[in-house]
């Protein structure tokens, strides 16, 4: 039975526990970075294709890492909104060097 989380603060440590391997974090980081680039490109170049590619870039890389690296089920399937938010929080944590502290 899946654990029920009452807040994002409760959920995020669980999310990080599903992303322990540095390669999984790297895939997520790159995927989120691509999503941000595609979003900006879509806005500035008025490209609908860029917006269509956003979930492919973000989820595609993330799911590949879960399948082949972490070997677990992506949290997206059970907690889609909190997982999406967590992708961006983890991206910021990696960018600012806070990820190691949060993983402990």
C-alpha atoms as a PDB file:
ATOM      1  CA  UNK A   1       0.000   0.000   0.000  1.00  0.00           C
ATOM      2  CA  UNK A   2       1.298   3.449  -0.965  1.00  0.00           C
ATOM      3  CA  UNK A   3       2.111   5.950   1.776  1.00  0.00           C
ATOM      4  CA  UNK A   4      -0.172   8.985   1.917  1.00  0.00           C
ATOM      5  CA  UNK A   5       1.621  12.302   2.220  1.00  0.00           C
ATOM      6  CA  UNK A   6      -0.122  15.298   3.731  1.00  0.00           C
ATOM      7  CA  UNK A   7       2.338  17.942   2.576  1.00  0.00           C
ATOM      8  CA  UNK A   8       5.130  18.614   0.154  1.00  0.00           C
ATOM      9  CA  UNK A   9       7.506  18.840   3.109  1.00  0.00           C
ATOM     10  CA  UNK A  10       6.656  15.209   3.933  1.00  0.00           C
ATOM     11  CA  UNK A  11       6.809  14.123   0.298  1.00  0.00           C
ATOM     12  CA  UNK A  12      10.165  15.606  -0.776  1.00  0.00           C
ATOM     13  CA  UNK A  13      12.370  13.325   1.404  1.00  0.00           C
ATOM     14  CA  UNK A  14      10.511  10.338  -0.041  1.00  0.00           C
ATOM     15  CA  UNK A  15      11.103  11.716  -3.548  1.00  0.00           C
ATOM     16  CA  UNK A  16      14.825  12.079  -2.834  1.00  0.00           C
ATOM     17  CA  UNK A  17      14.959   8.510  -1.499  1.00  0.00           C
ATOM     18  CA  UNK A  18      13.780   7.372  -4.938  1.00  0.00           C
ATOM     19  CA  UNK A  19      16.646   9.338  -6.561  1.00  0.00           C
ATOM     20  CA  UNK A  20      19.692   8.170  -4.601  1.00  0.00           C
ATOM     21  CA  UNK A  21      22.071   7.462  -7.452  1.00  0.00           C
ATOM     22  CA  UNK A  22      24.020  10.407  -8.885  1.00  0.00           C
ATOM     23  CA  UNK A  23      23.297   9.246 -12.445  1.00  0.00           C
ATOM     24  CA  UNK A  24      19.551   9.356 -11.765  1.00  0.00           C
ATOM     25  CA  UNK A  25      19.938  12.871 -10.405  1.00  0.00           C
ATOM     26  CA  UNK A  26      21.983  13.830 -13.485  1.00  0.00           C
ATOM     27  CA  UNK A  27      19.290  12.515 -15.864  1.00  0.00           C
ATOM     28  CA  UNK A  28      16.633  14.465 -13.950  1.00  0.00           C
ATOM     29  CA  UNK A  29      18.765  17.603 -13.851  1.00  0.00           C
ATOM     30  CA  UNK A  30      19.415  17.502 -17.590  1.00  0.00           C
ATOM     31  CA  UNK A  31      15.757  16.723 -18.342  1.00  0.00           C
ATOM     32  CA  UNK A  32      14.549  19.621 -16.195  1.00  0.00           C
ATOM     33  CA  UNK A  33      17.142  21.907 -17.782  1.00  0.00           C
ATOM     34  CA  UNK A  34      15.852  20.913 -21.227  1.00  0.00           C
ATOM     35  CA  UNK A  35      12.279  21.618 -20.102  1.00  0.00           C
ATOM     36  CA  UNK A  36      13.302  25.117 -19.008  1.00  0.00           C
ATOM     37  CA  UNK A  37      15.137  25.736 -22.292  1.00  0.00           C
ATOM     38  CA  UNK A  38      12.203  24.455 -24.344  1.00  0.00           C
ATOM     39  CA  UNK A  39       9.800  26.630 -22.361  1.00  0.00           C
ATOM     40  CA  UNK A  40      11.896  29.738 -22.954  1.00  0.00           C
ATOM     41  CA  UNK A  41      12.369  28.848 -26.618  1.00  0.00           C
ATOM     42  CA  UNK A  42       8.621  28.290 -26.969  1.00  0.00           C
ATOM     43  CA  UNK A  43       7.844  31.665 -25.444  1.00  0.00           C
ATOM     44  CA  UNK A  44      10.420  33.718 -27.326  1.00  0.00           C
ATOM     45  CA  UNK A  45      10.161  31.936 -30.670  1.00  0.00           C
ATOM     46  CA  UNK A  46       6.412  31.294 -30.379  1.00  0.00           C
ATOM     47  CA  UNK A  47       6.989  27.618 -31.036  1.00  0.00           C
ATOM     48  CA  UNK A  48       4.191  25.228 -30.192  1.00  0.00           C
ATOM     49  CA  UNK A  49       6.485  22.286 -30.953  1.00  0.00           C
ATOM     50  CA  UNK A  50       8.780  23.353 -28.107  1.00  0.00           C
ATOM     51  CA  UNK A  51       5.881  23.083 -25.652  1.00  0.00           C
ATOM     52  CA  UNK A  52       4.961  19.642 -26.995  1.00  0.00           C
ATOM     53  CA  UNK A  53       8.549  18.478 -26.500  1.00  0.00           C
ATOM     54  CA  UNK A  54       8.696  19.587 -22.870  1.00  0.00           C
ATOM     55  CA  UNK A  55       7.120  16.451 -21.337  1.00  0.00           C
ATOM     56  CA  UNK A  56       9.093  14.223 -23.709  1.00  0.00           C
ATOM     57  CA  UNK A  57      12.384  15.807 -22.609  1.00  0.00           C
ATOM     58  CA  UNK A  58      11.577  15.944 -18.923  1.00  0.00           C
ATOM     59  CA  UNK A  59       9.742  12.698 -18.350  1.00  0.00           C
ATOM     60  CA  UNK A  60      11.586  10.750 -21.023  1.00  0.00           C
ATOM     61  CA  UNK A  61      14.988  11.225 -19.445  1.00  0.00           C
ATOM     62  CA  UNK A  62      13.637  10.799 -15.927  1.00  0.00           C
ATOM     63  CA  UNK A  63      11.840   7.551 -16.715  1.00  0.00           C
ATOM     64  CA  UNK A  64      14.872   6.146 -18.531  1.00  0.00           C
ATOM     65  CA  UNK A  65      16.940   6.789 -15.404  1.00  0.00           C
ATOM     66  CA  UNK A  66      14.387   5.033 -13.205  1.00  0.00           C
ATOM     67  CA  UNK A  67      14.191   2.061 -15.531  1.00  0.00           C
ATOM     68  CA  UNK A  68      17.910   1.540 -16.168  1.00  0.00           C
ATOM     69  CA  UNK A  69      19.771   3.291 -13.345  1.00  0.00           C
ATOM     70  CA  UNK A  70      17.653   3.490 -10.185  1.00  0.00           C
ATOM     71  CA  UNK A  71      15.529   0.450 -11.124  1.00  0.00           C
ATOM     72  CA  UNK A  72      12.396   1.680  -9.391  1.00  0.00           C
ATOM     73  CA  UNK A  73       8.979   3.028 -10.317  1.00  0.00           C
ATOM     74  CA  UNK A  74       8.884   6.788 -10.928  1.00  0.00           C
ATOM     75  CA  UNK A  75       6.997   8.691  -8.228  1.00  0.00           C
ATOM     76  CA  UNK A  76       5.255  10.542 -11.072  1.00  0.00           C
ATOM     77  CA  UNK A  77       2.848   7.642 -11.518  1.00  0.00           C
ATOM     78  CA  UNK A  78       1.557   7.915  -7.947  1.00  0.00           C
ATOM     79  CA  UNK A  79       2.188  11.583  -7.104  1.00  0.00           C
ATOM     80  CA  UNK A  80       2.234  13.507 -10.399  1.00  0.00           C
ATOM     81  CA  UNK A  81       1.998  17.100  -9.124  1.00  0.00           C
ATOM     82  CA  UNK A  82       4.322  16.732  -6.154  1.00  0.00           C
ATOM     83  CA  UNK A  83       6.786  14.869  -8.360  1.00  0.00           C
ATOM     84  CA  UNK A  84       6.752  17.655 -10.936  1.00  0.00           C
ATOM     85  CA  UNK A  85       7.356  20.218  -8.205  1.00  0.00           C
ATOM     86  CA  UNK A  86      10.084  17.989  -6.740  1.00  0.00           C
ATOM     87  CA  UNK A  87      11.880  17.847 -10.092  1.00  0.00           C
ATOM     88  CA  UNK A  88      12.300  21.624  -9.988  1.00  0.00           C
ATOM     89  CA  UNK A  89      13.233  21.681  -6.300  1.00  0.00           C
ATOM     90  CA  UNK A  90      15.831  18.936  -6.867  1.00  0.00           C
ATOM     91  CA  UNK A  91      17.117  20.864  -9.903  1.00  0.00           C
ATOM     92  CA  UNK A  92      17.615  23.928  -7.663  1.00  0.00           C
ATOM     93  CA  UNK A  93      19.178  21.799  -4.907  1.00  0.00           C
ATOM     94  CA  UNK A  94      21.691  20.352  -7.378  1.00  0.00           C
ATOM     95  CA  UNK A  95      22.410  23.778  -8.862  1.00  0.00           C
ATOM     96  CA  UNK A  96      23.028  25.339  -5.447  1.00  0.00           C
ATOM     97  CA  UNK A  97      24.942  22.367  -4.005  1.00  0.00           C
ATOM     98  CA  UNK A  98      22.290  21.602  -1.365  1.00  0.00           C
ATOM     99  CA  UNK A  99      21.491  18.125  -2.697  1.00  0.00           C
ATOM    100  CA  UNK A 100      24.083  16.292  -0.587  1.00  0.00           C
ATOM    101  CA  UNK A 101      22.758  17.864   2.622  1.00  0.00           C
ATOM    102  CA  UNK A 102      19.170  17.003   1.696  1.00  0.00           C
ATOM    103  CA  UNK A 103      20.049  13.407   0.827  1.00  0.00           C
ATOM    104  CA  UNK A 104      21.266  12.764   4.407  1.00  0.00           C
END
